[in-house]
Amino acid sequence: MKRMLLLIVVHLLASNACAGDIDVPVLPPLKVDLEQVVATGVVQPVDGITSAGQPDAAAFKVFAENDYGAVIDLRTEGESRGLDEKAVVEGLGMDYVSLPIGSGGISFENAEALDKLIKSYDEPILVHCGSANRVGALLALRASQQGADNEAAIEIGKKGGLTRLEQQVREALGEK
């Protein structure tokens, strides 16, 4: 019986390994839990990027201590941040970049603008909005521009925080 169970497990593992050969990117989440970042004092970027909702001063300090070079803020002027984000970020030695994107600004043009900003830094960067939903949406469109098929692009977007804007992203991907 044990031998039969062992053969079944080996077969399942081999089947899963073969299924993994399909060209589907497997990425860890880009979006971080800011409470955990503050609690541990550690944050790891994925391909030089971390996504988040609105950080507070303590979270920004952790990003600075982990050698992040910039914070890209997608929030619009009317959205409350709870602090003078530019002053806090720059006071910690990081660049602050405002790229205001409302939910109606989910477009390939804005994804390209974000891509250019991301590529302009050698150090890791934090990209945030209120919840990371807009970040994930733009990361999905960016992935599409870089050759990902629609479903892979959506998956990358979800890893970056895409939720409520998924339908809008799917519509944009259909127009591509």
Protein backbone atom coordinates (compact mmCIF):
# COMPACT_ATOMS: atom_id res chain seq x y z
CA MET A 1 0.00 0.00 0.00
CA LYS A 2 2.80 2.40 0.90
CA ARG A 3 4.52 1.61 -2.38
CA MET A 4 1.34 2.34 -4.35
CA LEU A 5 0.89 5.64 -2.52
CA LEU A 6 4.51 6.55 -3.22
CA LEU A 7 4.03 5.80 -6.95
CA ILE A 8 0.92 7.99 -7.04
CA VAL A 9 2.72 10.88 -5.35
CA VAL A 10 5.71 10.57 -7.72
CA HIS A 11 3.36 10.52 -10.71
CA LEU A 12 1.50 13.60 -9.50
CA LEU A 13 4.75 15.46 -8.86
CA ALA A 14 6.06 14.53 -12.30
CA SER A 15 2.77 15.61 -13.91
CA ASN A 16 2.88 18.94 -12.14
CA ALA A 17 6.51 19.45 -13.10
CA CYS A 18 5.66 18.85 -16.76
CA ALA A 19 2.69 21.19 -16.55
CA GLY A 20 5.10 23.81 -15.20
CA ASP A 21 6.98 23.72 -18.49
CA ILE A 22 4.21 25.78 -20.06
CA ASP A 23 5.40 29.34 -20.61
CA VAL A 24 3.40 30.93 -17.76
CA PRO A 25 5.30 33.33 -15.52
CA VAL A 26 5.22 32.40 -11.86
CA LEU A 27 5.86 35.53 -9.87
CA PRO A 28 5.67 36.11 -6.17
CA PRO A 29 3.27 38.86 -5.17
CA LEU A 30 4.47 42.38 -5.94
CA LYS A 31 2.00 43.85 -3.46
CA VAL A 32 3.16 43.88 0.14
CA ASP A 33 1.30 44.00 3.43
CA LEU A 34 2.53 47.28 4.89
CA GLU A 35 1.85 46.21 8.48
CA GLN A 36 4.12 43.21 7.95
CA VAL A 37 6.77 45.40 6.31
CA VAL A 38 6.81 47.65 9.37
CA ALA A 39 6.72 44.72 11.81
CA THR A 40 9.64 42.88 10.17
CA GLY A 41 11.62 45.86 8.90
CA VAL A 42 12.21 43.95 5.67
CA VAL A 43 10.83 44.33 2.16
CA GLN A 44 11.92 42.47 -0.98
CA PRO A 45 11.19 43.84 -4.44
CA VAL A 46 10.21 41.62 -7.36
CA ASP A 47 12.12 42.63 -10.49
CA GLY A 48 12.99 45.89 -8.72
CA ILE A 49 9.35 46.79 -7.94
CA THR A 50 7.14 46.69 -4.88
CA SER A 51 3.46 47.58 -4.96
CA ALA A 52 1.39 48.78 -2.01
CA GLY A 53 -1.54 50.75 -0.78
CA GLN A 54 -0.88 54.07 0.99
CA PRO A 55 2.20 53.77 3.25
CA ASP A 56 2.65 55.74 6.44
CA ALA A 57 5.89 57.31 7.69
CA ALA A 58 7.00 54.09 9.43
CA ALA A 59 6.59 52.07 6.21
CA PHE A 60 8.46 54.67 4.15
CA LYS A 61 11.32 54.41 6.66
CA VAL A 62 11.53 50.65 6.09
CA PHE A 63 11.67 51.14 2.32
CA ALA A 64 14.49 53.67 2.74
CA GLU A 65 16.38 51.32 5.09
CA ASN A 66 16.05 48.57 2.45
CA ASP A 67 17.78 50.76 -0.16
CA TYR A 68 14.77 51.79 -2.23
CA GLY A 69 15.62 54.66 -4.54
CA ALA A 70 12.19 56.08 -5.26
CA VAL A 71 8.52 56.17 -4.43
CA ILE A 72 6.09 56.56 -7.34
CA ASP A 73 2.77 57.85 -6.06
CA LEU A 74 -0.22 57.23 -8.36
CA ARG A 75 -2.68 59.02 -6.09
CA THR A 76 -4.38 62.14 -7.38
CA GLU A 77 -4.13 65.54 -5.74
CA GLY A 78 -7.48 65.24 -3.97
CA GLU A 79 -6.69 61.93 -2.27
CA SER A 80 -5.61 62.14 1.37
CA ARG A 81 -2.29 60.58 2.23
CA GLY A 82 -2.35 61.36 5.94
CA LEU A 83 1.09 62.97 5.78
CA ASP A 84 3.27 65.22 3.64
CA GLU A 85 4.44 62.29 1.55
CA LYS A 86 6.91 64.20 -0.59
CA ALA A 87 8.64 65.68 2.47
CA VAL A 88 8.76 62.34 4.30
CA VAL A 89 10.07 60.40 1.28
CA GLU A 90 12.68 62.98 0.32
CA GLY A 91 13.68 63.38 3.98
CA LEU A 92 14.52 59.67 4.00
CA GLY A 93 16.78 60.09 0.95
CA MET A 94 14.47 58.63 -1.69
CA ASP A 95 13.07 60.34 -4.78
CA TYR A 96 9.39 61.18 -4.70
CA VAL A 97 7.62 61.00 -8.07
CA SER A 98 3.99 61.96 -8.50
CA LEU A 99 2.24 60.25 -11.43
CA PRO A 100 -1.41 61.00 -10.67
CA ILE A 101 -3.67 58.36 -12.20
CA GLY A 102 -7.38 58.29 -11.47
CA SER A 103 -9.36 55.12 -12.12
CA GLY A 104 -10.21 56.57 -15.56
CA GLY A 105 -6.50 56.80 -16.37
CA ILE A 106 -5.92 53.08 -16.81
CA SER A 107 -4.39 53.17 -20.29
CA PHE A 108 -1.46 51.87 -22.26
CA GLU A 109 -0.09 55.42 -22.40
CA ASN A 110 0.00 55.65 -18.61
CA ALA A 111 1.44 52.13 -18.34
CA GLU A 112 4.22 53.26 -20.68
CA ALA A 113 4.83 56.37 -18.57
CA LEU A 114 5.10 54.16 -15.47
CA ASP A 115 7.43 51.77 -17.31
CA LYS A 116 9.77 54.64 -18.23
CA LEU A 117 9.90 55.76 -14.62
CA ILE A 118 10.57 52.23 -13.38
CA LYS A 119 13.37 51.76 -15.90
CA SER A 120 14.98 55.06 -14.91
CA TYR A 121 16.03 53.64 -11.51
CA ASP A 122 18.74 51.13 -10.73
CA GLU A 123 17.53 50.76 -7.14
CA PRO A 124 14.24 49.14 -6.15
CA ILE A 125 11.17 51.35 -6.29
CA LEU A 126 7.85 51.44 -4.49
CA VAL A 127 4.77 52.15 -6.61
CA HIS A 128 1.61 52.86 -4.66
CA CYS A 129 -1.90 54.26 -4.78
CA GLY A 130 -4.64 53.96 -2.16
CA SER A 131 -5.01 50.17 -2.32
CA ALA A 132 -2.59 49.05 -5.09
CA ASN A 133 -5.53 48.44 -7.47
CA ARG A 134 -4.38 51.12 -9.94
CA VAL A 135 -0.80 49.92 -9.60
CA GLY A 136 -1.84 46.38 -10.51
CA ALA A 137 -3.92 47.66 -13.42
CA LEU A 138 -0.99 49.56 -14.92
CA LEU A 139 1.40 46.66 -14.27
CA ALA A 140 -0.98 44.37 -16.20
CA LEU A 141 -0.99 46.73 -19.19
CA ARG A 142 2.79 47.11 -18.90
CA ALA A 143 3.17 43.31 -18.98
CA SER A 144 1.01 43.20 -22.09
CA GLN A 145 3.20 45.80 -23.76
CA GLN A 146 6.20 43.62 -22.92
CA GLY A 147 4.67 40.62 -24.69
CA ALA A 148 2.60 38.82 -22.05
CA ASP A 149 -0.64 37.30 -23.29
CA ASN A 150 -3.83 38.72 -21.80
CA GLU A 151 -4.28 36.12 -19.05
CA ALA A 152 -0.63 36.31 -17.98
CA ALA A 153 -0.90 40.11 -17.93
CA ILE A 154 -4.01 39.92 -15.73
CA GLU A 155 -2.22 37.51 -13.37
CA ILE A 156 0.74 39.88 -13.10
CA GLY A 157 -1.72 42.70 -12.41
CA LYS A 158 -3.36 40.69 -9.64
CA LYS A 159 0.05 40.02 -8.06
CA GLY A 160 0.50 43.80 -8.06
CA GLY A 161 -2.88 44.53 -6.45
CA LEU A 162 -5.39 44.53 -9.32
CA THR A 163 -8.94 43.96 -8.05
CA ARG A 164 -11.91 46.19 -8.96
CA LEU A 165 -10.29 47.51 -12.14
CA GLU A 166 -9.90 44.06 -13.72
CA GLN A 167 -12.79 44.55 -16.13
CA GLN A 168 -11.40 47.91 -17.25
CA VAL A 169 -8.00 46.28 -17.84
CA ARG A 170 -9.60 43.42 -19.79
CA GLU A 171 -11.38 45.96 -21.97
CA ALA A 172 -8.11 47.82 -22.62
CA LEU A 173 -6.38 44.52 -23.45
CA GLY A 174 -9.16 43.75 -25.94
CA GLU A 175 -8.53 47.07 -27.70
CA LYS A 176 -4.81 46.38 -28.08
